[in-house]
């Protein structure tokens, strides 16, 4: 079986240093982008959760292509990741039901578009000793935020959960929409915040620690992290 040639990145990051599974909950704009970036680092132990199918409108800000329209997102994304690195086929898991309280371990990327569900997942796993870290993403049109928590640090976990203290409806009112009430979202914003989130993850695996919060405005060239 062919493998991904990692000669351009291997001296910087060795995928075998990440011994834990990576769970990506939600495979839309953020989840598909995160999965693609992780795969290009040679990471193959991925579990993908999503119950949705690819729609034509998804192609503007998600990683999918015309040939994927109508297919389950987890299936389309798996096919794409295996095209990048055929070795992924041996290790990837998919769940077309989406996340329904399955057991989590290792690293968890919260990529669903509902803040209340993300909070429920984090709260339900607050005392889960098998989780290493959680990562969350929130996007609007030009600006976005990334939150992360080391799951062995309870203060970090509590701060992470407290950052989600608002409703899905409240979040929707802050999100720009078109004249036809379609949520506005563009690929540069998605890819910028996902790239920073994945960089945060890679740094943590390498022992450099986590940034708890990163915010960007992709079109006004603003970046802050701490």
C-alpha atoms as a PDB file:
ATOM      1  CA  UNK A   1       0.000   0.000   0.000  1.00  0.00           C
ATOM      2  CA  UNK A   2       1.255   3.465  -0.870  1.00  0.00           C
ATOM      3  CA  UNK A   3       1.987   5.814   2.002  1.00  0.00           C
ATOM      4  CA  UNK A   4       2.088   9.576   2.229  1.00  0.00           C
ATOM      5  CA  UNK A   5       5.567  10.988   1.624  1.00  0.00           C
ATOM      6  CA  UNK A   6       6.207  13.050   4.753  1.00  0.00           C
ATOM      7  CA  UNK A   7       9.726  14.223   3.854  1.00  0.00           C
ATOM      8  CA  UNK A   8       8.616  17.880   3.937  1.00  0.00           C
ATOM      9  CA  UNK A   9       7.220  17.693   7.484  1.00  0.00           C
ATOM     10  CA  UNK A  10       8.680  14.649   9.268  1.00  0.00           C
ATOM     11  CA  UNK A  11      11.639  16.447  10.845  1.00  0.00           C
ATOM     12  CA  UNK A  12       9.159  18.939  12.303  1.00  0.00           C
ATOM     13  CA  UNK A  13       6.476  16.493  13.454  1.00  0.00           C
ATOM     14  CA  UNK A  14       6.535  12.711  13.632  1.00  0.00           C
ATOM     15  CA  UNK A  15       2.977  11.300  13.506  1.00  0.00           C
ATOM     16  CA  UNK A  16       3.963   8.289  15.597  1.00  0.00           C
ATOM     17  CA  UNK A  17       4.485  10.697  18.515  1.00  0.00           C
ATOM     18  CA  UNK A  18       0.697  11.032  18.680  1.00  0.00           C
ATOM     19  CA  UNK A  19      -0.266   7.671  20.107  1.00  0.00           C
ATOM     20  CA  UNK A  20      -3.904   8.507  20.886  1.00  0.00           C
ATOM     21  CA  UNK A  21      -6.977   8.432  18.652  1.00  0.00           C
ATOM     22  CA  UNK A  22      -8.387  11.711  17.342  1.00  0.00           C
ATOM     23  CA  UNK A  23     -12.169  12.188  17.401  1.00  0.00           C
ATOM     24  CA  UNK A  24     -13.638  14.768  15.019  1.00  0.00           C
ATOM     25  CA  UNK A  25     -17.276  15.437  15.924  1.00  0.00           C
ATOM     26  CA  UNK A  26     -18.922  17.148  12.967  1.00  0.00           C
ATOM     27  CA  UNK A  27     -17.547  16.958   9.424  1.00  0.00           C
ATOM     28  CA  UNK A  28     -18.755  20.218   7.931  1.00  0.00           C
ATOM     29  CA  UNK A  29     -16.675  23.332   7.262  1.00  0.00           C
ATOM     30  CA  UNK A  30     -14.469  23.045  10.350  1.00  0.00           C
ATOM     31  CA  UNK A  31     -14.411  19.257  10.738  1.00  0.00           C
ATOM     32  CA  UNK A  32     -13.570  18.485   7.116  1.00  0.00           C
ATOM     33  CA  UNK A  33     -10.788  21.090   7.132  1.00  0.00           C
ATOM     34  CA  UNK A  34      -9.310  19.873  10.422  1.00  0.00           C
ATOM     35  CA  UNK A  35      -9.376  16.265   9.194  1.00  0.00           C
ATOM     36  CA  UNK A  36      -7.607  17.204   5.950  1.00  0.00           C
ATOM     37  CA  UNK A  37      -4.882  19.126   7.786  1.00  0.00           C
ATOM     38  CA  UNK A  38      -4.283  16.317  10.283  1.00  0.00           C
ATOM     39  CA  UNK A  39      -4.096  13.756   7.482  1.00  0.00           C
ATOM     40  CA  UNK A  40      -1.386  15.761   5.718  1.00  0.00           C
ATOM     41  CA  UNK A  41       0.689  15.412   8.899  1.00  0.00           C
ATOM     42  CA  UNK A  42       0.462  11.632   8.532  1.00  0.00           C
ATOM     43  CA  UNK A  43      -2.093  11.121  11.303  1.00  0.00           C
ATOM     44  CA  UNK A  44      -4.402   8.211  10.495  1.00  0.00           C
ATOM     45  CA  UNK A  45      -6.135   7.181  13.735  1.00  0.00           C
ATOM     46  CA  UNK A  46      -9.212   9.309  13.160  1.00  0.00           C
ATOM     47  CA  UNK A  47     -12.854   8.770  14.143  1.00  0.00           C
ATOM     48  CA  UNK A  48     -15.364  10.898  12.212  1.00  0.00           C
ATOM     49  CA  UNK A  49     -18.904  11.629  13.422  1.00  0.00           C
ATOM     50  CA  UNK A  50     -21.630  13.197  11.258  1.00  0.00           C
ATOM     51  CA  UNK A  51     -25.165  12.258  10.188  1.00  0.00           C
ATOM     52  CA  UNK A  52     -25.458  14.797   7.366  1.00  0.00           C
ATOM     53  CA  UNK A  53     -24.987  14.522   3.605  1.00  0.00           C
ATOM     54  CA  UNK A  54     -23.036  16.821   1.300  1.00  0.00           C
ATOM     55  CA  UNK A  55     -25.162  19.556  -0.313  1.00  0.00           C
ATOM     56  CA  UNK A  56     -24.187  21.824  -3.234  1.00  0.00           C
ATOM     57  CA  UNK A  57     -23.938  24.849  -0.915  1.00  0.00           C
ATOM     58  CA  UNK A  58     -21.326  23.019   1.194  1.00  0.00           C
ATOM     59  CA  UNK A  59     -18.738  23.178  -1.577  1.00  0.00           C
ATOM     60  CA  UNK A  60     -18.103  26.898  -1.036  1.00  0.00           C
ATOM     61  CA  UNK A  61     -16.614  26.568   2.457  1.00  0.00           C
ATOM     62  CA  UNK A  62     -16.047  22.855   3.070  1.00  0.00           C
ATOM     63  CA  UNK A  63     -13.461  20.439   1.689  1.00  0.00           C
ATOM     64  CA  UNK A  64     -15.900  18.486  -0.482  1.00  0.00           C
ATOM     65  CA  UNK A  65     -16.141  18.419  -4.296  1.00  0.00           C
ATOM     66  CA  UNK A  66     -18.933  18.077  -6.838  1.00  0.00           C
ATOM     67  CA  UNK A  67     -18.564  14.293  -6.916  1.00  0.00           C
ATOM     68  CA  UNK A  68     -19.380  14.150  -3.201  1.00  0.00           C
ATOM     69  CA  UNK A  69     -22.793  15.867  -3.420  1.00  0.00           C
ATOM     70  CA  UNK A  70     -25.504  13.579  -2.037  1.00  0.00           C
ATOM     71  CA  UNK A  71     -23.075  11.311  -0.186  1.00  0.00           C
ATOM     72  CA  UNK A  72     -22.808  11.050   3.612  1.00  0.00           C
ATOM     73  CA  UNK A  73     -20.198  13.516   4.805  1.00  0.00           C
ATOM     74  CA  UNK A  74     -18.267  10.891   6.767  1.00  0.00           C
ATOM     75  CA  UNK A  75     -18.072   8.669   3.681  1.00  0.00           C
ATOM     76  CA  UNK A  76     -17.043  11.488   1.337  1.00  0.00           C
ATOM     77  CA  UNK A  77     -14.470  12.789   3.798  1.00  0.00           C
ATOM     78  CA  UNK A  78     -13.028   9.309   4.373  1.00  0.00           C
ATOM     79  CA  UNK A  79     -12.603   8.804   0.640  1.00  0.00           C
ATOM     80  CA  UNK A  80     -10.829  12.139   0.330  1.00  0.00           C
ATOM     81  CA  UNK A  81      -8.494  11.455   3.263  1.00  0.00           C
ATOM     82  CA  UNK A  82      -7.608   8.025   1.904  1.00  0.00           C
ATOM     83  CA  UNK A  83      -6.750   9.593  -1.451  1.00  0.00           C
ATOM     84  CA  UNK A  84      -4.243  11.804   0.382  1.00  0.00           C
ATOM     85  CA  UNK A  85      -2.832   8.943   2.448  1.00  0.00           C
ATOM     86  CA  UNK A  86      -3.992   5.403   1.560  1.00  0.00           C
ATOM     87  CA  UNK A  87      -2.656   4.183   4.905  1.00  0.00           C
ATOM     88  CA  UNK A  88      -5.541   6.030   6.571  1.00  0.00           C
ATOM     89  CA  UNK A  89      -7.834   3.227   5.351  1.00  0.00           C
ATOM     90  CA  UNK A  90      -6.443   0.878   8.004  1.00  0.00           C
ATOM     91  CA  UNK A  91      -7.193   3.135  10.969  1.00  0.00           C
ATOM     92  CA  UNK A  92     -10.103   5.449  10.231  1.00  0.00           C
ATOM     93  CA  UNK A  93     -13.478   4.886  11.898  1.00  0.00           C
ATOM     94  CA  UNK A  94     -16.733   6.552  10.877  1.00  0.00           C
ATOM     95  CA  UNK A  95     -20.119   6.946  12.549  1.00  0.00           C
ATOM     96  CA  UNK A  96     -22.986   8.039  10.296  1.00  0.00           C
ATOM     97  CA  UNK A  97     -25.243   8.533  13.324  1.00  0.00           C
ATOM     98  CA  UNK A  98     -23.204  11.521  14.404  1.00  0.00           C
ATOM     99  CA  UNK A  99     -22.189  11.754  18.048  1.00  0.00           C
ATOM    100  CA  UNK A 100     -24.654   9.989  20.353  1.00  0.00           C
ATOM    101  CA  UNK A 101     -22.705   9.629  23.606  1.00  0.00           C
ATOM    102  CA  UNK A 102     -20.076   7.225  22.256  1.00  0.00           C
ATOM    103  CA  UNK A 103     -17.018   6.768  24.479  1.00  0.00           C
ATOM    104  CA  UNK A 104     -14.291   9.311  23.817  1.00  0.00           C
ATOM    105  CA  UNK A 105     -10.560   9.157  24.414  1.00  0.00           C
ATOM    106  CA  UNK A 106      -7.388  10.819  23.208  1.00  0.00           C
ATOM    107  CA  UNK A 107      -7.980  14.118  21.434  1.00  0.00           C
ATOM    108  CA  UNK A 108     -11.454  15.507  20.725  1.00  0.00           C
ATOM    109  CA  UNK A 109     -12.226  18.190  18.133  1.00  0.00           C
ATOM    110  CA  UNK A 110     -15.684  19.713  18.607  1.00  0.00           C
ATOM    111  CA  UNK A 111     -16.777  20.769  15.115  1.00  0.00           C
ATOM    112  CA  UNK A 112     -20.579  20.620  15.185  1.00  0.00           C
ATOM    113  CA  UNK A 113     -22.428  23.880  14.493  1.00  0.00           C
ATOM    114  CA  UNK A 114     -24.422  23.834  17.737  1.00  0.00           C
ATOM    115  CA  UNK A 115     -22.835  25.350  20.853  1.00  0.00           C
ATOM    116  CA  UNK A 116     -25.282  23.587  23.166  1.00  0.00           C
ATOM    117  CA  UNK A 117     -24.287  20.161  21.834  1.00  0.00           C
ATOM    118  CA  UNK A 118     -20.598  21.019  22.179  1.00  0.00           C
ATOM    119  CA  UNK A 119     -21.174  22.052  25.791  1.00  0.00           C
ATOM    120  CA  UNK A 120     -23.112  18.842  26.491  1.00  0.00           C
ATOM    121  CA  UNK A 121     -20.238  16.748  25.135  1.00  0.00           C
ATOM    122  CA  UNK A 122     -17.655  18.637  27.185  1.00  0.00           C
ATOM    123  CA  UNK A 123     -19.734  18.465  30.377  1.00  0.00           C
ATOM    124  CA  UNK A 124     -20.533  14.763  29.940  1.00  0.00           C
ATOM    125  CA  UNK A 125     -16.818  14.021  29.600  1.00  0.00           C
ATOM    126  CA  UNK A 126     -15.556  16.446  32.221  1.00  0.00           C
ATOM    127  CA  UNK A 127     -14.171  13.658  34.390  1.00  0.00           C
ATOM    128  CA  UNK A 128     -13.191  11.324  31.555  1.00  0.00           C
ATOM    129  CA  UNK A 129      -9.581  10.306  32.387  1.00  0.00           C
ATOM    130  CA  UNK A 130      -8.987   8.937  28.883  1.00  0.00           C
ATOM    131  CA  UNK A 131      -9.238  12.325  27.132  1.00  0.00           C
ATOM    132  CA  UNK A 132      -5.984  14.219  26.637  1.00  0.00           C
ATOM    133  CA  UNK A 133      -7.403  17.498  25.306  1.00  0.00           C
ATOM    134  CA  UNK A 134     -10.445  19.064  23.645  1.00  0.00           C
ATOM    135  CA  UNK A 135     -10.512  21.666  20.888  1.00  0.00           C
ATOM    136  CA  UNK A 136     -13.424  23.903  19.921  1.00  0.00           C
ATOM    137  CA  UNK A 137     -13.992  26.271  16.993  1.00  0.00           C
ATOM    138  CA  UNK A 138     -16.480  29.115  16.508  1.00  0.00           C
ATOM    139  CA  UNK A 139     -16.753  30.880  13.202  1.00  0.00           C
ATOM    140  CA  UNK A 140     -18.677  33.798  11.764  1.00  0.00           C
ATOM    141  CA  UNK A 141     -18.019  35.549   8.457  1.00  0.00           C
ATOM    142  CA  UNK A 142     -14.562  37.117   8.763  1.00  0.00           C
ATOM    143  CA  UNK A 143     -13.807  36.418  12.435  1.00  0.00           C
ATOM    144  CA  UNK A 144     -13.440  33.182  14.372  1.00  0.00           C
ATOM    145  CA  UNK A 145     -12.282  31.822  17.716  1.00  0.00           C
ATOM    146  CA  UNK A 146     -10.533  28.640  18.822  1.00  0.00           C
ATOM    147  CA  UNK A 147     -10.625  27.298  22.385  1.00  0.00           C
ATOM    148  CA  UNK A 148      -8.622  24.407  23.814  1.00  0.00           C
ATOM    149  CA  UNK A 149      -8.273  22.632  27.142  1.00  0.00           C
ATOM    150  CA  UNK A 150      -5.750  20.212  28.602  1.00  0.00           C
ATOM    151  CA  UNK A 151      -8.088  17.610  30.116  1.00  0.00           C
ATOM    152  CA  UNK A 152      -5.700  16.888  32.992  1.00  0.00           C
ATOM    153  CA  UNK A 153      -6.044  20.509  34.155  1.00  0.00           C
ATOM    154  CA  UNK A 154      -9.455  20.924  35.768  1.00  0.00           C
ATOM    155  CA  UNK A 155      -9.285  24.720  35.803  1.00  0.00           C
ATOM    156  CA  UNK A 156      -8.618  24.654  32.070  1.00  0.00           C
ATOM    157  CA  UNK A 157     -11.562  22.294  31.585  1.00  0.00           C
ATOM    158  CA  UNK A 158     -13.870  24.508  33.657  1.00  0.00           C
ATOM    159  CA  UNK A 159     -12.790  27.602  31.706  1.00  0.00           C
ATOM    160  CA  UNK A 160     -13.388  25.723  28.449  1.00  0.00           C
ATOM    161  CA  UNK A 161     -16.929  24.774  29.487  1.00  0.00           C
ATOM    162  CA  UNK A 162     -17.713  28.252  30.861  1.00  0.00           C
ATOM    163  CA  UNK A 163     -16.818  29.738  27.474  1.00  0.00           C
ATOM    164  CA  UNK A 164     -19.890  27.955  26.103  1.00  0.00           C
ATOM    165  CA  UNK A 165     -22.393  29.636  28.423  1.00  0.00           C
ATOM    166  CA  UNK A 166     -24.823  30.839  25.763  1.00  0.00           C
ATOM    167  CA  UNK A 167     -27.519  29.224  23.651  1.00  0.00           C
ATOM    168  CA  UNK A 168     -27.549  28.146  20.034  1.00  0.00           C
ATOM    169  CA  UNK A 169     -30.198  30.764  19.315  1.00  0.00           C
ATOM    170  CA  UNK A 170     -28.083  33.499  20.900  1.00  0.00           C
ATOM    171  CA  UNK A 171     -25.159  32.399  18.731  1.00  0.00           C
ATOM    172  CA  UNK A 172     -27.325  32.541  15.598  1.00  0.00           C
ATOM    173  CA  UNK A 173     -28.325  36.132  16.271  1.00  0.00           C
ATOM    174  CA  UNK A 174     -24.620  37.100  16.219  1.00  0.00           C
ATOM    175  CA  UNK A 175     -23.925  35.318  12.935  1.00  0.00           C
ATOM    176  CA  UNK A 176     -24.185  37.331   9.688  1.00  0.00           C
ATOM    177  CA  UNK A 177     -26.838  36.136   7.228  1.00  0.00           C
ATOM    178  CA  UNK A 178     -27.729  36.957   3.640  1.00  0.00           C
ATOM    179  CA  UNK A 179     -30.877  38.771   2.503  1.00  0.00           C
ATOM    180  CA  UNK A 180     -32.381  35.280   2.084  1.00  0.00           C
ATOM    181  CA  UNK A 181     -31.473  34.361   5.692  1.00  0.00           C
ATOM    182  CA  UNK A 182     -28.639  32.042   4.681  1.00  0.00           C
ATOM    183  CA  UNK A 183     -25.736  31.916   7.145  1.00  0.00           C
ATOM    184  CA  UNK A 184     -22.695  33.580   5.594  1.00  0.00           C
ATOM    185  CA  UNK A 185     -19.386  31.735   5.748  1.00  0.00           C
ATOM    186  CA  UNK A 186     -16.232  31.885   3.628  1.00  0.00           C
ATOM    187  CA  UNK A 187     -13.360  29.446   3.193  1.00  0.00           C
ATOM    188  CA  UNK A 188     -10.455  31.783   4.154  1.00  0.00           C
ATOM    189  CA  UNK A 189     -11.910  32.327   7.638  1.00  0.00           C
ATOM    190  CA  UNK A 190     -12.538  28.611   8.121  1.00  0.00           C
ATOM    191  CA  UNK A 191      -9.099  27.586   6.922  1.00  0.00           C
ATOM    192  CA  UNK A 192      -7.301  30.224   8.964  1.00  0.00           C
ATOM    193  CA  UNK A 193      -8.849  29.260  12.301  1.00  0.00           C
ATOM    194  CA  UNK A 194      -8.578  25.526  11.542  1.00  0.00           C
ATOM    195  CA  UNK A 195      -4.903  25.894  10.651  1.00  0.00           C
ATOM    196  CA  UNK A 196      -4.254  27.659  13.957  1.00  0.00           C
ATOM    197  CA  UNK A 197      -6.234  25.041  15.879  1.00  0.00           C
ATOM    198  CA  UNK A 198      -4.300  22.209  14.280  1.00  0.00           C
ATOM    199  CA  UNK A 199      -1.025  24.060  14.960  1.00  0.00           C
ATOM    200  CA  UNK A 200      -2.136  24.321  18.610  1.00  0.00           C
ATOM    201  CA  UNK A 201      -2.765  20.564  18.659  1.00  0.00           C
ATOM    202  CA  UNK A 202       0.593  19.754  17.018  1.00  0.00           C
ATOM    203  CA  UNK A 203       2.428  21.983  19.520  1.00  0.00           C
ATOM    204  CA  UNK A 204       0.705  20.214  22.421  1.00  0.00           C
ATOM    205  CA  UNK A 205       1.686  16.768  21.111  1.00  0.00           C
ATOM    206  CA  UNK A 206       5.261  18.024  20.782  1.00  0.00           C
ATOM    207  CA  UNK A 207       5.164  19.125  24.442  1.00  0.00           C
ATOM    208  CA  UNK A 208       4.945  22.864  23.889  1.00  0.00           C
ATOM    209  CA  UNK A 209       1.647  23.230  25.758  1.00  0.00           C
ATOM    210  CA  UNK A 210      -1.712  24.567  24.605  1.00  0.00           C
ATOM    211  CA  UNK A 211      -2.967  28.033  23.829  1.00  0.00           C
ATOM    212  CA  UNK A 212      -6.328  28.240  25.581  1.00  0.00           C
ATOM    213  CA  UNK A 213      -7.747  30.871  23.233  1.00  0.00           C
ATOM    214  CA  UNK A 214      -7.005  32.109  19.725  1.00  0.00           C
ATOM    215  CA  UNK A 215      -9.052  34.722  17.880  1.00  0.00           C
ATOM    216  CA  UNK A 216      -8.660  35.985  14.343  1.00  0.00           C
ATOM    217  CA  UNK A 217     -10.222  38.258  11.795  1.00  0.00           C
ATOM    218  CA  UNK A 218      -9.075  36.771   8.509  1.00  0.00           C
ATOM    219  CA  UNK A 219      -9.889  39.828   6.399  1.00  0.00           C
ATOM    220  CA  UNK A 220      -8.720  42.542   8.782  1.00  0.00           C
ATOM    221  CA  UNK A 221      -5.517  40.593   9.550  1.00  0.00           C
ATOM    222  CA  UNK A 222      -6.027  40.427  13.301  1.00  0.00           C
ATOM    223  CA  UNK A 223      -4.629  37.593  15.445  1.00  0.00           C
ATOM    224  CA  UNK A 224      -4.470  37.218  19.218  1.00  0.00           C
ATOM    225  CA  UNK A 225      -3.622  34.165  21.298  1.00  0.00           C
ATOM    226  CA  UNK A 226      -3.014  33.290  24.939  1.00  0.00           C
END
